Amino acid sequence: MAGVLSRYMAEYSAAPKSQNANTKAATVDLVSTKKKRGNTVRGLVQTLALVRDAEEQAMENTPENLRGAGNYEASEERVCSMDEALDILENLY
């Protein structure tokens, strides 16, 4: 999970190759200080929490007879993974 988060943060902070040098410098500046990186991580935490909440809501709306199905179990795993990711991110900043 930590590897996935690290890769996401690296991709998020990296500028696409098609951008010019000024745009790349601006993108690098977005995460150049600890405060800016902290804000980026907090934004990521908020977004991930919204996705987790939506997944939990979908699980709650699943009919009882489908709660043992593979899709429901996959949703449970996703929620657990997102909870772990949130714990990691919250501990970072």
PDB file of N, CA and C in Angstrom:
ATOM      1  N   MET A   1       0.831  -1.184   0.000  1.00  0.00           N
ATOM      2  CA  MET A   1       0.000   0.000   0.000  1.00  0.00           C
ATOM      3  C   MET A   1       0.874   1.246   0.000  1.00  0.00           C
ATOM      4  N   ALA A   2       1.940   1.234   0.792  1.00  0.00           N
ATOM      5  CA  ALA A   2       2.817   2.403   0.855  1.00  0.00           C
ATOM      6  C   ALA A   2       3.460   2.669  -0.499  1.00  0.00           C
ATOM      7  N   GLY A   3       3.801   1.609  -1.223  1.00  0.00           N
ATOM      8  CA  GLY A   3       4.384   1.768  -2.555  1.00  0.00           C
ATOM      9  C   GLY A   3       3.416   2.420  -3.526  1.00  0.00           C
ATOM     10  N   VAL A   4       2.158   2.031  -3.448  1.00  0.00           N
ATOM     11  CA  VAL A   4       1.131   2.616  -4.309  1.00  0.00           C
ATOM     12  C   VAL A   4       0.969   4.096  -4.001  1.00  0.00           C
ATOM     13  N   LEU A   5       0.929   4.429  -2.721  1.00  0.00           N
ATOM     14  CA  LEU A   5       0.792   5.833  -2.325  1.00  0.00           C
ATOM     15  C   LEU A   5       2.006   6.650  -2.744  1.00  0.00           C
ATOM     16  N   SER A   6       3.185   6.090  -2.581  1.00  0.00           N
ATOM     17  CA  SER A   6       4.401   6.794  -2.979  1.00  0.00           C
ATOM     18  C   SER A   6       4.414   7.045  -4.473  1.00  0.00           C
ATOM     19  N   ARG A   7       4.013   6.037  -5.250  1.00  0.00           N
ATOM     20  CA  ARG A   7       3.957   6.189  -6.703  1.00  0.00           C
ATOM     21  C   ARG A   7       2.937   7.251  -7.091  1.00  0.00           C
ATOM     22  N   TYR A   8       1.779   7.250  -6.417  1.00  0.00           N
ATOM     23  CA  TYR A   8       0.748   8.240  -6.706  1.00  0.00           C
ATOM     24  C   TYR A   8       1.276   9.644  -6.435  1.00  0.00           C
ATOM     25  N   MET A   9       1.920   9.825  -5.294  1.00  0.00           N
ATOM     26  CA  MET A   9       2.442  11.141  -4.950  1.00  0.00           C
ATOM     27  C   MET A   9       3.512  11.582  -5.948  1.00  0.00           C
ATOM     28  N   ALA A  10       4.359  10.655  -6.397  1.00  0.00           N
ATOM     29  CA  ALA A  10       5.384  10.996  -7.376  1.00  0.00           C
ATOM     30  C   ALA A  10       4.752  11.393  -8.701  1.00  0.00           C
ATOM     31  N   GLU A  11       3.743  10.634  -9.149  1.00  0.00           N
ATOM     32  CA  GLU A  11       3.057  10.962 -10.391  1.00  0.00           C
ATOM     33  C   GLU A  11       2.284  12.264 -10.262  1.00  0.00           C
ATOM     34  N   TYR A  12       1.689  12.484  -9.108  1.00  0.00           N
ATOM     35  CA  TYR A  12       0.908  13.692  -8.875  1.00  0.00           C
ATOM     36  C   TYR A  12       1.784  14.932  -8.922  1.00  0.00           C
ATOM     37  N   SER A  13       2.987  14.811  -8.393  1.00  0.00           N
ATOM     38  CA  SER A  13       3.871  15.976  -8.312  1.00  0.00           C
ATOM     39  C   SER A  13       4.709  16.172  -9.569  1.00  0.00           C
ATOM     40  N   ALA A  14       4.799  15.153 -10.422  1.00  0.00           N
ATOM     41  CA  ALA A  14       5.611  15.263 -11.634  1.00  0.00           C
ATOM     42  C   ALA A  14       4.827  15.948 -12.744  1.00  0.00           C
ATOM     43  N   ALA A  15       5.506  16.776 -13.493  1.00  0.00           N
ATOM     44  CA  ALA A  15       4.875  17.459 -14.629  1.00  0.00           C
ATOM     45  C   ALA A  15       4.919  16.548 -15.852  1.00  0.00           C
ATOM     46  N   PRO A  16       3.880  16.558 -16.687  1.00  0.00           N
ATOM     47  CA  PRO A  16       3.915  15.790 -17.933  1.00  0.00           C
ATOM     48  C   PRO A  16       5.068  16.258 -18.819  1.00  0.00           C
ATOM     49  N   LYS A  17       5.624  15.356 -19.600  1.00  0.00           N
ATOM     50  CA  LYS A  17       6.768  15.673 -20.445  1.00  0.00           C
ATOM     51  C   LYS A  17       6.446  16.724 -21.503  1.00  0.00           C
ATOM     52  N   SER A  18       5.201  16.860 -21.870  1.00  0.00           N
ATOM     53  CA  SER A  18       4.834  17.787 -22.921  1.00  0.00           C
ATOM     54  C   SER A  18       4.811  19.240 -22.458  1.00  0.00           C
ATOM     55  N   GLN A  19       4.925  19.485 -21.171  1.00  0.00           N
ATOM     56  CA  GLN A  19       4.876  20.844 -20.667  1.00  0.00           C
ATOM     57  C   GLN A  19       6.229  21.518 -20.825  1.00  0.00           C
ATOM     58  N   ASN A  20       6.206  22.846 -20.923  1.00  0.00           N
ATOM     59  CA  ASN A  20       7.459  23.572 -21.064  1.00  0.00           C
ATOM     60  C   ASN A  20       8.140  23.725 -19.706  1.00  0.00           C
ATOM     61  N   ALA A  21       9.341  24.290 -19.706  1.00  0.00           N
ATOM     62  CA  ALA A  21      10.139  24.388 -18.480  1.00  0.00           C
ATOM     63  C   ALA A  21       9.457  25.232 -17.418  1.00  0.00           C
ATOM     64  N   ASN A  22       8.788  26.315 -17.815  1.00  0.00           N
ATOM     65  CA  ASN A  22       8.119  27.175 -16.838  1.00  0.00           C
ATOM     66  C   ASN A  22       7.001  26.431 -16.120  1.00  0.00           C
ATOM     67  N   THR A  23       6.240  25.649 -16.853  1.00  0.00           N
ATOM     68  CA  THR A  23       5.148  24.894 -16.252  1.00  0.00           C
ATOM     69  C   THR A  23       5.694  23.811 -15.336  1.00  0.00           C
ATOM     70  N   LYS A  24       6.782  23.165 -15.752  1.00  0.00           N
ATOM     71  CA  LYS A  24       7.405  22.155 -14.898  1.00  0.00           C
ATOM     72  C   LYS A  24       7.876  22.776 -13.594  1.00  0.00           C
ATOM     73  N   ALA A  25       8.488  23.952 -13.681  1.00  0.00           N
ATOM     74  CA  ALA A  25       8.967  24.624 -12.473  1.00  0.00           C
ATOM     75  C   ALA A  25       7.799  24.964 -11.559  1.00  0.00           C
ATOM     76  N   ALA A  26       6.685  25.386 -12.133  1.00  0.00           N
ATOM     77  CA  ALA A  26       5.511  25.710 -11.329  1.00  0.00           C
ATOM     78  C   ALA A  26       4.966  24.464 -10.650  1.00  0.00           C
ATOM     79  N   THR A  27       4.965  23.337 -11.361  1.00  0.00           N
ATOM     80  CA  THR A  27       4.468  22.092 -10.789  1.00  0.00           C
ATOM     81  C   THR A  27       5.382  21.627  -9.662  1.00  0.00           C
ATOM     82  N   VAL A  28       6.676  21.686  -9.859  1.00  0.00           N
ATOM     83  CA  VAL A  28       7.622  21.291  -8.817  1.00  0.00           C
ATOM     84  C   VAL A  28       7.449  22.199  -7.607  1.00  0.00           C
ATOM     85  N   ASP A  29       7.174  23.481  -7.844  1.00  0.00           N
ATOM     86  CA  ASP A  29       6.982  24.424  -6.753  1.00  0.00           C
ATOM     87  C   ASP A  29       5.772  24.066  -5.892  1.00  0.00           C
ATOM     88  N   LEU A  30       4.783  23.361  -6.472  1.00  0.00           N
ATOM     89  CA  LEU A  30       3.595  22.975  -5.719  1.00  0.00           C
ATOM     90  C   LEU A  30       3.927  22.064  -4.543  1.00  0.00           C
ATOM     91  N   VAL A  31       4.998  21.327  -4.644  1.00  0.00           N
ATOM     92  CA  VAL A  31       5.371  20.400  -3.576  1.00  0.00           C
ATOM     93  C   VAL A  31       6.786  20.664  -3.074  1.00  0.00           C
ATOM     94  N   SER A  32       7.275  21.876  -3.243  1.00  0.00           N
ATOM     95  CA  SER A  32       8.662  22.171  -2.902  1.00  0.00           C
ATOM     96  C   SER A  32       8.880  22.401  -1.410  1.00  0.00           C
ATOM     97  N   THR A  33       7.866  22.754  -0.677  1.00  0.00           N
ATOM     98  CA  THR A  33       8.038  22.971   0.749  1.00  0.00           C
ATOM     99  C   THR A  33       7.214  21.967   1.537  1.00  0.00           C
ATOM    100  N   LYS A  34       7.615  21.769   2.771  1.00  0.00           N
ATOM    101  CA  LYS A  34       6.896  20.816   3.623  1.00  0.00           C
ATOM    102  C   LYS A  34       5.437  21.229   3.788  1.00  0.00           C
ATOM    103  N   LYS A  35       5.190  22.516   3.923  1.00  0.00           N
ATOM    104  CA  LYS A  35       3.817  23.007   4.084  1.00  0.00           C
ATOM    105  C   LYS A  35       2.977  22.682   2.846  1.00  0.00           C
ATOM    106  N   LYS A  36       3.548  22.889   1.672  1.00  0.00           N
ATOM    107  CA  LYS A  36       2.815  22.601   0.434  1.00  0.00           C
ATOM    108  C   LYS A  36       2.578  21.099   0.274  1.00  0.00           C
ATOM    109  N   ARG A  37       3.578  20.303   0.610  1.00  0.00           N
ATOM    110  CA  ARG A  37       3.390  18.853   0.540  1.00  0.00           C
ATOM    111  C   ARG A  37       2.332  18.407   1.531  1.00  0.00           C
ATOM    112  N   GLY A  38       2.347  19.004   2.720  1.00  0.00           N
ATOM    113  CA  GLY A  38       1.331  18.678   3.720  1.00  0.00           C
ATOM    114  C   GLY A  38      -0.064  19.008   3.220  1.00  0.00           C
ATOM    115  N   ASN A  39      -0.207  20.160   2.572  1.00  0.00           N
ATOM    116  CA  ASN A  39      -1.504  20.536   2.016  1.00  0.00           C
ATOM    117  C   ASN A  39      -1.936  19.562   0.930  1.00  0.00           C
ATOM    118  N   THR A  40      -0.983  19.121   0.110  1.00  0.00           N
ATOM    119  CA  THR A  40      -1.288  18.148  -0.940  1.00  0.00           C
ATOM    120  C   THR A  40      -1.749  16.835  -0.325  1.00  0.00           C
ATOM    121  N   VAL A  41      -1.047  16.387   0.698  1.00  0.00           N
ATOM    122  CA  VAL A  41      -1.412  15.126   1.359  1.00  0.00           C
ATOM    123  C   VAL A  41      -2.782  15.260   2.032  1.00  0.00           C
ATOM    124  N   ARG A  42      -3.036  16.386   2.682  1.00  0.00           N
ATOM    125  CA  ARG A  42      -4.346  16.590   3.313  1.00  0.00           C
ATOM    126  C   ARG A  42      -5.462  16.589   2.271  1.00  0.00           C
ATOM    127  N   GLY A  43      -5.212  17.167   1.103  1.00  0.00           N
ATOM    128  CA  GLY A  43      -6.192  17.126   0.024  1.00  0.00           C
ATOM    129  C   GLY A  43      -6.436  15.709  -0.446  1.00  0.00           C
ATOM    130  N   LEU A  44      -5.359  14.936  -0.541  1.00  0.00           N
ATOM    131  CA  LEU A  44      -5.471  13.531  -0.923  1.00  0.00           C
ATOM    132  C   LEU A  44      -6.255  12.749   0.114  1.00  0.00           C
ATOM    133  N   VAL A  45      -6.003  13.027   1.394  1.00  0.00           N
ATOM    134  CA  VAL A  45      -6.728  12.356   2.475  1.00  0.00           C
ATOM    135  C   VAL A  45      -8.217  12.661   2.380  1.00  0.00           C
ATOM    136  N   GLN A  46      -8.562  13.907   2.133  1.00  0.00           N
ATOM    137  CA  GLN A  46      -9.978  14.283   2.020  1.00  0.00           C
ATOM    138  C   GLN A  46     -10.640  13.570   0.850  1.00  0.00           C
ATOM    139  N   THR A  47      -9.956  13.530  -0.286  1.00  0.00           N
ATOM    140  CA  THR A  47     -10.511  12.867  -1.466  1.00  0.00           C
ATOM    141  C   THR A  47     -10.676  11.370  -1.227  1.00  0.00           C
ATOM    142  N   LEU A  48      -9.660  10.751  -0.654  1.00  0.00           N
ATOM    143  CA  LEU A  48      -9.726   9.319  -0.380  1.00  0.00           C
ATOM    144  C   LEU A  48     -10.818   9.005   0.639  1.00  0.00           C
ATOM    145  N   ALA A  49     -10.998   9.873   1.622  1.00  0.00           N
ATOM    146  CA  ALA A  49     -12.062   9.670   2.610  1.00  0.00           C
ATOM    147  C   ALA A  49     -13.435   9.749   1.947  1.00  0.00           C
ATOM    148  N   LEU A  50     -13.597  10.643   0.996  1.00  0.00           N
ATOM    149  CA  LEU A  50     -14.875  10.733   0.271  1.00  0.00           C
ATOM    150  C   LEU A  50     -15.146   9.458  -0.527  1.00  0.00           C
ATOM    151  N   VAL A  51     -14.106   8.941  -1.171  1.00  0.00           N
ATOM    152  CA  VAL A  51     -14.263   7.700  -1.945  1.00  0.00           C
ATOM    153  C   VAL A  51     -14.596   6.538  -1.019  1.00  0.00           C
ATOM    154  N   ARG A  52     -13.891   6.459   0.121  1.00  0.00           N
ATOM    155  CA  ARG A  52     -14.176   5.396   1.088  1.00  0.00           C
ATOM    156  C   ARG A  52     -15.604   5.484   1.603  1.00  0.00           C
ATOM    157  N   ASP A  53     -16.046   6.697   1.919  1.00  0.00           N
ATOM    158  CA  ASP A  53     -17.414   6.883   2.403  1.00  0.00           C
ATOM    159  C   ASP A  53     -18.439   6.466   1.353  1.00  0.00           C
ATOM    160  N   ALA A  54     -18.164   6.775   0.095  1.00  0.00           N
ATOM    161  CA  ALA A  54     -19.072   6.382  -0.987  1.00  0.00           C
ATOM    162  C   ALA A  54     -19.118   4.859  -1.117  1.00  0.00           C
ATOM    163  N   GLU A  55     -17.966   4.230  -0.974  1.00  0.00           N
ATOM    164  CA  GLU A  55     -17.911   2.763  -1.053  1.00  0.00           C
ATOM    165  C   GLU A  55     -18.682   2.138   0.109  1.00  0.00           C
ATOM    166  N   GLU A  56     -18.531   2.689   1.299  1.00  0.00           N
ATOM    167  CA  GLU A  56     -19.273   2.184   2.463  1.00  0.00           C
ATOM    168  C   GLU A  56     -20.777   2.379   2.274  1.00  0.00           C
ATOM    169  N   GLN A  57     -21.154   3.516   1.715  1.00  0.00           N
ATOM    170  CA  GLN A  57     -22.576   3.774   1.461  1.00  0.00           C
ATOM    171  C   GLN A  57     -23.141   2.762   0.476  1.00  0.00           C
ATOM    172  N   ALA A  58     -22.361   2.460  -0.556  1.00  0.00           N
ATOM    173  CA  ALA A  58     -22.798   1.458  -1.535  1.00  0.00           C
ATOM    174  C   ALA A  58     -22.951   0.095  -0.869  1.00  0.00           C
ATOM    175  N   MET A  59     -22.049  -0.228   0.045  1.00  0.00           N
ATOM    176  CA  MET A  59     -22.151  -1.502   0.753  1.00  0.00           C
ATOM    177  C   MET A  59     -23.395  -1.545   1.623  1.00  0.00           C
ATOM    178  N   GLU A  60     -23.687  -0.438   2.298  1.00  0.00           N
ATOM    179  CA  GLU A  60     -24.869  -0.383   3.161  1.00  0.00           C
ATOM    180  C   GLU A  60     -26.159  -0.526   2.359  1.00  0.00           C
ATOM    181  N   ASN A  61     -26.134  -0.085   1.115  1.00  0.00           N
ATOM    182  CA  ASN A  61     -27.325  -0.157   0.267  1.00  0.00           C
ATOM    183  C   ASN A  61     -27.448  -1.482  -0.476  1.00  0.00           C
ATOM    184  N   THR A  62     -26.501  -2.377  -0.264  1.00  0.00           N
ATOM    185  CA  THR A  62     -26.544  -3.687  -0.899  1.00  0.00           C
ATOM    186  C   THR A  62     -27.600  -4.546  -0.207  1.00  0.00           C
ATOM    187  N   PRO A  63     -28.476  -5.176  -0.982  1.00  0.00           N
ATOM    188  CA  PRO A  63     -29.484  -6.048  -0.372  1.00  0.00           C
ATOM    189  C   PRO A  63     -28.834  -7.198   0.401  1.00  0.00           C
ATOM    190  N   GLU A  64     -29.522  -7.643   1.433  1.00  0.00           N
ATOM    191  CA  GLU A  64     -29.000  -8.707   2.308  1.00  0.00           C
ATOM    192  C   GLU A  64     -28.601  -9.963   1.527  1.00  0.00           C
ATOM    193  N   ASN A  65     -29.401 -10.330   0.535  1.00  0.00           N
ATOM    194  CA  ASN A  65     -29.125 -11.578  -0.186  1.00  0.00           C
ATOM    195  C   ASN A  65     -27.880 -11.489  -1.069  1.00  0.00           C
ATOM    196  N   LEU A  66     -27.339 -10.294  -1.297  1.00  0.00           N
ATOM    197  CA  LEU A  66     -26.140 -10.144  -2.120  1.00  0.00           C
ATOM    198  C   LEU A  66     -24.889  -9.851  -1.303  1.00  0.00           C
ATOM    199  N   ARG A  67     -25.020  -9.822   0.005  1.00  0.00           N
ATOM    200  CA  ARG A  67     -23.874  -9.441   0.844  1.00  0.00           C
ATOM    201  C   ARG A  67     -22.775 -10.490   0.905  1.00  0.00           C
ATOM    202  N   GLY A  68     -23.026 -11.691   0.485  1.00  0.00           N
ATOM    203  CA  GLY A  68     -21.988 -12.709   0.452  1.00  0.00           C
ATOM    204  C   GLY A  68     -21.358 -12.840  -0.923  1.00  0.00           C
ATOM    205  N   ALA A  69     -21.822 -12.054  -1.879  1.00  0.00           N
ATOM    206  CA  ALA A  69     -21.329 -12.155  -3.257  1.00  0.00           C
ATOM    207  C   ALA A  69     -19.915 -11.599  -3.380  1.00  0.00           C
ATOM    208  N   GLY A  70     -19.275 -11.949  -4.459  1.00  0.00           N
ATOM    209  CA  GLY A  70     -17.897 -11.523  -4.702  1.00  0.00           C
ATOM    210  C   GLY A  70     -17.738 -10.013  -4.775  1.00  0.00           C
ATOM    211  N   ASN A  71     -18.700  -9.340  -5.385  1.00  0.00           N
ATOM    212  CA  ASN A  71     -18.613  -7.884  -5.482  1.00  0.00           C
ATOM    213  C   ASN A  71     -18.645  -7.232  -4.104  1.00  0.00           C
ATOM    214  N   TYR A  72     -19.472  -7.749  -3.218  1.00  0.00           N
ATOM    215  CA  TYR A  72     -19.570  -7.193  -1.871  1.00  0.00           C
ATOM    216  C   TYR A  72     -18.268  -7.415  -1.111  1.00  0.00           C
ATOM    217  N   GLU A  73     -17.711  -8.614  -1.250  1.00  0.00           N
ATOM    218  CA  GLU A  73     -16.443  -8.916  -0.584  1.00  0.00           C
ATOM    219  C   GLU A  73     -15.311  -8.041  -1.131  1.00  0.00           C
ATOM    220  N   ALA A  74     -15.337  -7.770  -2.436  1.00  0.00           N
ATOM    221  CA  ALA A  74     -14.334  -6.880  -3.035  1.00  0.00           C
ATOM    222  C   ALA A  74     -14.491  -5.467  -2.481  1.00  0.00           C
ATOM    223  N   SER A  75     -15.728  -5.036  -2.272  1.00  0.00           N
ATOM    224  CA  SER A  75     -15.972  -3.719  -1.683  1.00  0.00           C
ATOM    225  C   SER A  75     -15.422  -3.654  -0.265  1.00  0.00           C
ATOM    226  N   GLU A  76     -15.610  -4.728   0.500  1.00  0.00           N
ATOM    227  CA  GLU A  76     -15.072  -4.769   1.858  1.00  0.00           C
ATOM    228  C   GLU A  76     -13.548  -4.632   1.842  1.00  0.00           C
ATOM    229  N   GLU A  77     -12.895  -5.329   0.897  1.00  0.00           N
ATOM    230  CA  GLU A  77     -11.443  -5.255   0.781  1.00  0.00           C
ATOM    231  C   GLU A  77     -10.995  -3.850   0.391  1.00  0.00           C
ATOM    232  N   ARG A  78     -11.738  -3.216  -0.525  1.00  0.00           N
ATOM    233  CA  ARG A  78     -11.397  -1.849  -0.925  1.00  0.00           C
ATOM    234  C   ARG A  78     -11.500  -0.895   0.256  1.00  0.00           C
ATOM    235  N   VAL A  79     -12.556  -1.035   1.044  1.00  0.00           N
ATOM    236  CA  VAL A  79     -12.735  -0.159   2.203  1.00  0.00           C
ATOM    237  C   VAL A  79     -11.588  -0.365   3.195  1.00  0.00           C
ATOM    238  N   CYS A  80     -11.227  -1.608   3.441  1.00  0.00           N
ATOM    239  CA  CYS A  80     -10.108  -1.893   4.356  1.00  0.00           C
ATOM    240  C   CYS A  80      -8.808  -1.301   3.823  1.00  0.00           C
ATOM    241  N   SER A  81      -8.568  -1.441   2.532  1.00  0.00           N
ATOM    242  CA  SER A  81      -7.351  -0.888   1.930  1.00  0.00           C
ATOM    243  C   SER A  81      -7.335   0.628   2.018  1.00  0.00           C
ATOM    244  N   MET A  82      -8.478   1.249   1.775  1.00  0.00           N
ATOM    245  CA  MET A  82      -8.538   2.709   1.868  1.00  0.00           C
ATOM    246  C   MET A  82      -8.349   3.178   3.307  1.00  0.00           C
ATOM    247  N   ASP A  83      -8.875   2.417   4.270  1.00  0.00           N
ATOM    248  CA  ASP A  83      -8.658   2.760   5.678  1.00  0.00           C
ATOM    249  C   ASP A  83      -7.169   2.707   6.023  1.00  0.00           C
ATOM    250  N   GLU A  84      -6.484   1.668   5.530  1.00  0.00           N
ATOM    251  CA  GLU A  84      -5.044   1.544   5.763  1.00  0.00           C
ATOM    252  C   GLU A  84      -4.300   2.710   5.120  1.00  0.00           C
ATOM    253  N   ALA A  85      -4.678   3.045   3.892  1.00  0.00           N
ATOM    254  CA  ALA A  85      -4.030   4.152   3.187  1.00  0.00           C
ATOM    255  C   ALA A  85      -4.250   5.466   3.936  1.00  0.00           C
ATOM    256  N   LEU A  86      -5.458   5.669   4.424  1.00  0.00           N
ATOM    257  CA  LEU A  86      -5.753   6.888   5.177  1.00  0.00           C
ATOM    258  C   LEU A  86      -4.909   6.957   6.446  1.00  0.00           C
ATOM    259  N   ASP A  87      -4.759   5.835   7.132  1.00  0.00           N
ATOM    260  CA  ASP A  87      -3.934   5.811   8.338  1.00  0.00           C
ATOM    261  C   ASP A  87      -2.489   6.194   8.014  1.00  0.00           C
ATOM    262  N   ILE A  88      -1.972   5.648   6.923  1.00  0.00           N
ATOM    263  CA  ILE A  88      -0.599   5.950   6.519  1.00  0.00           C
ATOM    264  C   ILE A  88      -0.458   7.433   6.200  1.00  0.00           C
ATOM    265  N   LEU A  89      -1.367   7.949   5.387  1.00  0.00           N
ATOM    266  CA  LEU A  89      -1.285   9.345   4.981  1.00  0.00           C
ATOM    267  C   LEU A  89      -1.453  10.298   6.158  1.00  0.00           C
ATOM    268  N   GLU A  90      -2.369   9.975   7.054  1.00  0.00           N
ATOM    269  CA  GLU A  90      -2.580  10.841   8.210  1.00  0.00           C
ATOM    270  C   GLU A  90      -1.361  10.853   9.135  1.00  0.00           C
ATOM    271  N   ASN A  91      -0.642   9.756   9.179  1.00  0.00           N
ATOM    272  CA  ASN A  91       0.567   9.698  10.000  1.00  0.00           C
ATOM    273  C   ASN A  91       1.743  10.428   9.357  1.00  0.00           C
ATOM    274  N   LEU A  92       1.700  10.635   8.042  1.00  0.00           N
ATOM    275  CA  LEU A  92       2.788  11.321   7.360  1.00  0.00           C
ATOM    276  C   LEU A  92       2.840  12.796   7.707  1.00  0.00           C
ATOM    277  N   TYR A  93       1.687  13.437   7.709  1.00  0.00           N
ATOM    278  CA  TYR A  93       1.649  14.890   7.937  1.00  0.00           C
ATOM    279  C   TYR A  93       0.671  15.183   9.024  1.00  0.00           C
TER     280      TYR A  93
END
